[in-house]
Amino acid sequence: MLTRDDLIREYRARGATFPALLVVYGLLLVTMGATALAIV
């Protein structure tokens, strides 16, 4: 299981910019939201 620090370290290693992180988190939120709606 990756910790938050591991994720941050991984993204920095790949040179991800802040906007890129926002896109990743946005996709996660959208995916979770779509799944929740599908279940309901």
Protein backbone atom coordinates (compact mmCIF):
# COMPACT_ATOMS: atom_id res chain seq x y z
CA MET A 1 0.00 0.00 0.00
CA LEU A 2 1.46 3.33 -1.04
CA THR A 3 1.45 6.13 1.48
CA ARG A 4 0.78 9.73 0.55
CA ASP A 5 4.50 10.50 0.83
CA ASP A 6 5.30 7.64 -1.54
CA LEU A 7 2.86 9.06 -4.09
CA ILE A 8 4.35 12.54 -3.78
CA ARG A 9 7.86 11.14 -4.18
CA GLU A 10 6.75 9.14 -7.23
CA TYR A 11 5.18 12.18 -8.92
CA ARG A 12 8.24 14.34 -8.22
CA ALA A 13 10.48 11.65 -9.68
CA ARG A 14 8.49 11.86 -12.90
CA GLY A 15 8.66 15.65 -12.88
CA ALA A 16 4.91 16.03 -12.74
CA THR A 17 3.76 19.61 -12.42
CA PHE A 18 1.03 20.79 -10.05
CA PRO A 19 -1.60 21.02 -12.84
CA ALA A 20 -0.79 17.42 -13.77
CA LEU A 21 -1.46 16.37 -10.18
CA LEU A 22 -4.79 18.21 -10.26
CA VAL A 23 -5.74 16.33 -13.43
CA VAL A 24 -4.89 13.00 -11.80
CA TYR A 25 -6.91 13.81 -8.67
CA GLY A 26 -9.75 15.12 -10.86
CA LEU A 27 -9.87 11.86 -12.80
CA LEU A 28 -9.96 9.91 -9.53
CA LEU A 29 -12.83 12.03 -8.21
CA VAL A 30 -14.78 11.75 -11.47
CA THR A 31 -14.27 7.98 -11.54
CA MET A 32 -15.44 7.61 -7.94
CA GLY A 33 -18.40 9.89 -8.60
CA ALA A 34 -19.43 7.94 -11.71
CA THR A 35 -19.11 4.66 -9.83
CA ALA A 36 -21.23 5.99 -6.96
CA LEU A 37 -23.94 7.10 -9.40
CA ALA A 38 -23.84 3.74 -11.17
CA ILE A 39 -24.30 1.92 -7.86
CA VAL A 40 -27.17 4.17 -6.81
